[in-house]
Amino acid sequence: MNSQTQRIIYWLNHEAYSRQHWATVTQECLEKTDHTSEPATKLLAENLRSVHEKFRDAVVKQGNALYDFISMGLDEVDWMIVAKDVMDRQIEAG
């Protein structure tokens, strides 16, 4: 396994899809917005979109058809809905 692949796997496991990572990010978003739900959810949505854009940029060369396809998919995601779901799950978990 080459070092680029190892970095991507590490990133996926420890940041992009780590439950602990998103629990921490969610808590930070709540703290930065004085535990106000809508601003915290907006901040979390920005974080989620950013993470997925970083993943796209790490694995796909900009300017080719796959990059454009993934970008179009990212544009279609309603990050506020995803963030609300992450926020709700985090609050339920306590």
N, C-alpha and C. Protein backbone atom coordinates (compact mmCIF):
# COMPACT_ATOMS: atom_id res chain seq x y z
N MET A 1 0.86 -1.17 0.00
CA MET A 1 0.00 0.00 0.00
C MET A 1 0.91 1.24 0.00
N ASN A 2 0.66 2.17 -0.93
CA ASN A 2 1.52 3.35 -0.99
C ASN A 2 1.12 4.38 0.06
N SER A 3 1.97 5.38 0.24
CA SER A 3 1.75 6.34 1.33
C SER A 3 0.50 7.19 1.08
N GLN A 4 0.18 7.51 -0.19
CA GLN A 4 -1.02 8.28 -0.48
C GLN A 4 -2.27 7.49 -0.07
N THR A 5 -2.29 6.22 -0.40
CA THR A 5 -3.41 5.36 -0.02
C THR A 5 -3.53 5.27 1.49
N GLN A 6 -2.40 5.13 2.17
CA GLN A 6 -2.41 5.06 3.63
C GLN A 6 -2.95 6.35 4.23
N ARG A 7 -2.56 7.49 3.68
CA ARG A 7 -3.07 8.77 4.18
C ARG A 7 -4.58 8.88 3.99
N ILE A 8 -5.07 8.43 2.85
CA ILE A 8 -6.50 8.49 2.58
C ILE A 8 -7.25 7.57 3.54
N ILE A 9 -6.76 6.36 3.72
CA ILE A 9 -7.40 5.41 4.63
C ILE A 9 -7.40 5.97 6.05
N TYR A 10 -6.27 6.53 6.47
CA TYR A 10 -6.20 7.12 7.81
C TYR A 10 -7.23 8.24 7.94
N TRP A 11 -7.26 9.10 6.93
CA TRP A 11 -8.18 10.24 6.94
C TRP A 11 -9.63 9.77 7.00
N LEU A 12 -9.97 8.77 6.22
CA LEU A 12 -11.34 8.24 6.23
C LEU A 12 -11.69 7.67 7.60
N ASN A 13 -10.79 6.92 8.18
CA ASN A 13 -11.07 6.25 9.45
C ASN A 13 -11.02 7.18 10.65
N HIS A 14 -10.16 8.19 10.61
CA HIS A 14 -9.96 9.03 11.79
C HIS A 14 -10.58 10.41 11.69
N GLU A 15 -11.00 10.81 10.50
CA GLU A 15 -11.64 12.10 10.37
C GLU A 15 -12.97 12.00 9.65
N ALA A 16 -12.92 11.66 8.39
CA ALA A 16 -14.12 11.75 7.56
C ALA A 16 -15.30 10.98 8.12
N TYR A 17 -15.07 9.77 8.58
CA TYR A 17 -16.19 8.96 9.03
C TYR A 17 -16.02 8.41 10.44
N SER A 18 -15.18 9.06 11.22
CA SER A 18 -15.01 8.66 12.60
C SER A 18 -16.13 9.25 13.45
N ARG A 19 -16.84 8.42 14.15
CA ARG A 19 -17.92 8.88 15.02
C ARG A 19 -17.38 9.84 16.09
N GLN A 20 -16.21 9.51 16.62
CA GLN A 20 -15.62 10.37 17.64
C GLN A 20 -15.26 11.74 17.07
N HIS A 21 -14.73 11.75 15.86
CA HIS A 21 -14.38 13.03 15.22
C HIS A 21 -15.62 13.90 15.09
N TRP A 22 -16.72 13.34 14.60
CA TRP A 22 -17.92 14.14 14.39
C TRP A 22 -18.59 14.51 15.70
N ALA A 23 -18.43 13.68 16.72
CA ALA A 23 -18.93 14.06 18.04
C ALA A 23 -18.19 15.31 18.53
N THR A 24 -16.88 15.33 18.32
CA THR A 24 -16.07 16.48 18.73
C THR A 24 -16.43 17.71 17.90
N VAL A 25 -16.54 17.55 16.59
CA VAL A 25 -16.89 18.68 15.72
C VAL A 25 -18.26 19.22 16.08
N THR A 26 -19.22 18.35 16.32
CA THR A 26 -20.57 18.77 16.68
C THR A 26 -20.55 19.58 17.98
N GLN A 27 -19.81 19.09 18.97
CA GLN A 27 -19.70 19.80 20.24
C GLN A 27 -19.05 21.17 20.04
N GLU A 28 -18.01 21.23 19.22
CA GLU A 28 -17.35 22.51 18.94
C GLU A 28 -18.31 23.48 18.26
N CYS A 29 -19.12 22.98 17.34
CA CYS A 29 -20.10 23.83 16.65
C CYS A 29 -21.12 24.37 17.66
N LEU A 30 -21.56 23.53 18.57
CA LEU A 30 -22.51 23.98 19.59
C LEU A 30 -21.88 25.03 20.50
N GLU A 31 -20.63 24.80 20.90
CA GLU A 31 -19.95 25.76 21.78
C GLU A 31 -19.71 27.09 21.08
N LYS A 32 -19.34 27.06 19.81
CA LYS A 32 -19.07 28.30 19.07
C LYS A 32 -20.33 29.12 18.85
N THR A 33 -21.47 28.48 18.94
CA THR A 33 -22.73 29.19 18.68
C THR A 33 -23.59 29.27 19.94
N ASP A 34 -22.95 29.16 21.10
CA ASP A 34 -23.68 29.22 22.38
C ASP A 34 -24.85 28.26 22.45
N HIS A 35 -24.63 27.07 21.90
CA HIS A 35 -25.62 25.99 21.93
C HIS A 35 -26.93 26.38 21.25
N THR A 36 -26.85 27.30 20.29
CA THR A 36 -28.02 27.69 19.51
C THR A 36 -28.12 26.74 18.32
N SER A 37 -29.23 26.05 18.22
CA SER A 37 -29.39 24.95 17.28
C SER A 37 -29.14 25.31 15.82
N GLU A 38 -29.84 26.30 15.27
CA GLU A 38 -29.72 26.58 13.84
C GLU A 38 -28.31 27.04 13.44
N PRO A 39 -27.70 27.99 14.15
CA PRO A 39 -26.33 28.37 13.78
C PRO A 39 -25.33 27.21 13.92
N ALA A 40 -25.53 26.37 14.93
CA ALA A 40 -24.64 25.21 15.11
C ALA A 40 -24.80 24.24 13.96
N THR A 41 -26.03 24.04 13.52
CA THR A 41 -26.29 23.13 12.40
C THR A 41 -25.69 23.69 11.12
N LYS A 42 -25.78 25.00 10.90
CA LYS A 42 -25.18 25.61 9.72
C LYS A 42 -23.67 25.44 9.72
N LEU A 43 -23.05 25.65 10.88
CA LEU A 43 -21.60 25.48 11.00
C LEU A 43 -21.20 24.04 10.75
N LEU A 44 -21.97 23.11 11.29
CA LEU A 44 -21.70 21.69 11.07
C LEU A 44 -21.87 21.34 9.60
N ALA A 45 -22.88 21.90 8.94
CA ALA A 45 -23.09 21.65 7.50
C ALA A 45 -21.89 22.11 6.69
N GLU A 46 -21.33 23.26 7.04
CA GLU A 46 -20.13 23.76 6.37
C GLU A 46 -18.96 22.80 6.56
N ASN A 47 -18.82 22.28 7.78
CA ASN A 47 -17.75 21.32 8.07
C ASN A 47 -17.92 20.04 7.27
N LEU A 48 -19.13 19.53 7.20
CA LEU A 48 -19.40 18.30 6.45
C LEU A 48 -19.08 18.47 4.97
N ARG A 49 -19.54 19.58 4.40
CA ARG A 49 -19.25 19.84 2.98
C ARG A 49 -17.75 19.93 2.75
N SER A 50 -17.06 20.64 3.62
CA SER A 50 -15.62 20.81 3.50
C SER A 50 -14.88 19.47 3.53
N VAL A 51 -15.28 18.59 4.44
CA VAL A 51 -14.64 17.28 4.55
C VAL A 51 -14.81 16.50 3.26
N HIS A 52 -16.00 16.52 2.69
CA HIS A 52 -16.24 15.77 1.47
C HIS A 52 -15.51 16.40 0.28
N GLU A 53 -15.38 17.70 0.27
CA GLU A 53 -14.59 18.34 -0.79
C GLU A 53 -13.11 17.99 -0.66
N LYS A 54 -12.61 17.92 0.58
CA LYS A 54 -11.22 17.52 0.80
C LYS A 54 -10.99 16.09 0.32
N PHE A 55 -11.95 15.22 0.57
CA PHE A 55 -11.84 13.83 0.10
C PHE A 55 -11.79 13.80 -1.41
N ARG A 56 -12.69 14.52 -2.05
CA ARG A 56 -12.71 14.58 -3.52
C ARG A 56 -11.36 15.07 -4.03
N ASP A 57 -10.85 16.12 -3.43
CA ASP A 57 -9.59 16.71 -3.88
C ASP A 57 -8.40 15.78 -3.63
N ALA A 58 -8.50 14.93 -2.61
CA ALA A 58 -7.40 14.01 -2.29
C ALA A 58 -7.33 12.83 -3.24
N VAL A 59 -8.47 12.43 -3.79
CA VAL A 59 -8.47 11.20 -4.58
C VAL A 59 -8.72 11.38 -6.07
N VAL A 60 -9.17 12.55 -6.48
CA VAL A 60 -9.51 12.74 -7.88
C VAL A 60 -8.78 13.96 -8.44
N LYS A 61 -8.23 13.81 -9.62
CA LYS A 61 -7.53 14.92 -10.27
C LYS A 61 -8.55 15.94 -10.79
N GLN A 62 -8.34 17.20 -10.40
CA GLN A 62 -9.26 18.26 -10.81
C GLN A 62 -9.27 18.40 -12.34
N GLY A 63 -10.45 18.64 -12.87
CA GLY A 63 -10.58 18.89 -14.29
C GLY A 63 -10.97 17.69 -15.12
N ASN A 64 -11.07 16.51 -14.52
CA ASN A 64 -11.51 15.37 -15.32
C ASN A 64 -12.99 15.08 -15.06
N ALA A 65 -13.54 14.16 -15.81
CA ALA A 65 -14.98 13.87 -15.74
C ALA A 65 -15.41 13.36 -14.38
N LEU A 66 -14.59 12.54 -13.73
CA LEU A 66 -14.95 12.01 -12.42
C LEU A 66 -15.01 13.14 -11.38
N TYR A 67 -14.06 14.05 -11.45
CA TYR A 67 -14.06 15.20 -10.55
C TYR A 67 -15.36 16.00 -10.73
N ASP A 68 -15.70 16.25 -11.98
CA ASP A 68 -16.92 17.01 -12.26
C ASP A 68 -18.16 16.27 -11.78
N PHE A 69 -18.18 14.94 -11.96
CA PHE A 69 -19.31 14.13 -11.53
C PHE A 69 -19.46 14.18 -10.00
N ILE A 70 -18.35 14.00 -9.29
CA ILE A 70 -18.40 14.05 -7.82
C ILE A 70 -18.80 15.44 -7.35
N SER A 71 -18.26 16.47 -7.98
CA SER A 71 -18.60 17.84 -7.62
C SER A 71 -20.09 18.10 -7.79
N MET A 72 -20.64 17.61 -8.89
CA MET A 72 -22.07 17.78 -9.15
C MET A 72 -22.87 17.08 -8.04
N GLY A 73 -22.43 15.89 -7.64
CA GLY A 73 -23.10 15.18 -6.56
C GLY A 73 -23.03 15.93 -5.24
N LEU A 74 -21.87 16.50 -4.94
CA LEU A 74 -21.71 17.28 -3.70
C LEU A 74 -22.64 18.50 -3.71
N ASP A 75 -22.80 19.10 -4.89
CA ASP A 75 -23.68 20.26 -5.01
C ASP A 75 -25.14 19.89 -4.76
N GLU A 76 -25.50 18.65 -5.01
CA GLU A 76 -26.89 18.21 -4.86
C GLU A 76 -27.24 17.85 -3.42
N VAL A 77 -26.25 17.64 -2.58
CA VAL A 77 -26.50 17.25 -1.19
C VAL A 77 -27.02 18.45 -0.41
N ASP A 78 -28.07 18.24 0.36
CA ASP A 78 -28.54 19.28 1.27
C ASP A 78 -27.80 19.08 2.58
N TRP A 79 -26.70 19.81 2.73
CA TRP A 79 -25.81 19.62 3.88
C TRP A 79 -26.49 19.98 5.19
N MET A 80 -27.51 20.84 5.15
CA MET A 80 -28.23 21.18 6.37
C MET A 80 -29.01 19.97 6.89
N ILE A 81 -29.60 19.19 6.00
CA ILE A 81 -30.31 17.98 6.42
C ILE A 81 -29.33 16.97 7.01
N VAL A 82 -28.19 16.79 6.35
CA VAL A 82 -27.18 15.86 6.87
C VAL A 82 -26.69 16.34 8.23
N ALA A 83 -26.41 17.63 8.35
CA ALA A 83 -25.91 18.18 9.61
C ALA A 83 -26.95 18.02 10.73
N LYS A 84 -28.22 18.25 10.39
CA LYS A 84 -29.28 18.08 11.40
C LYS A 84 -29.33 16.64 11.88
N ASP A 85 -29.19 15.70 10.96
CA ASP A 85 -29.18 14.29 11.33
C ASP A 85 -28.00 13.97 12.25
N VAL A 86 -26.81 14.47 11.88
CA VAL A 86 -25.61 14.24 12.72
C VAL A 86 -25.82 14.88 14.09
N MET A 87 -26.33 16.10 14.11
CA MET A 87 -26.56 16.82 15.36
C MET A 87 -27.55 16.08 16.24
N ASP A 88 -28.66 15.64 15.64
CA ASP A 88 -29.69 14.91 16.41
C ASP A 88 -29.13 13.62 17.00
N ARG A 89 -28.35 12.89 16.20
CA ARG A 89 -27.77 11.63 16.70
C ARG A 89 -26.79 11.90 17.84
N GLN A 90 -26.04 12.98 17.72
CA GLN A 90 -25.08 13.31 18.76
C GLN A 90 -25.78 13.69 20.06
N ILE A 91 -26.86 14.46 19.94
CA ILE A 91 -27.62 14.87 21.11
C ILE A 91 -28.27 13.66 21.77
N GLU A 92 -28.80 12.73 20.96
CA GLU A 92 -29.41 11.51 21.50
C GLU A 92 -28.38 10.66 22.23
N ALA A 93 -27.16 10.61 21.69
CA ALA A 93 -26.09 9.79 22.30
C ALA A 93 -25.62 10.40 23.62
N GLY A 94 -25.91 11.69 23.81
CA GLY A 94 -25.58 12.35 25.07
C GLY A 94 -24.20 12.83 25.07
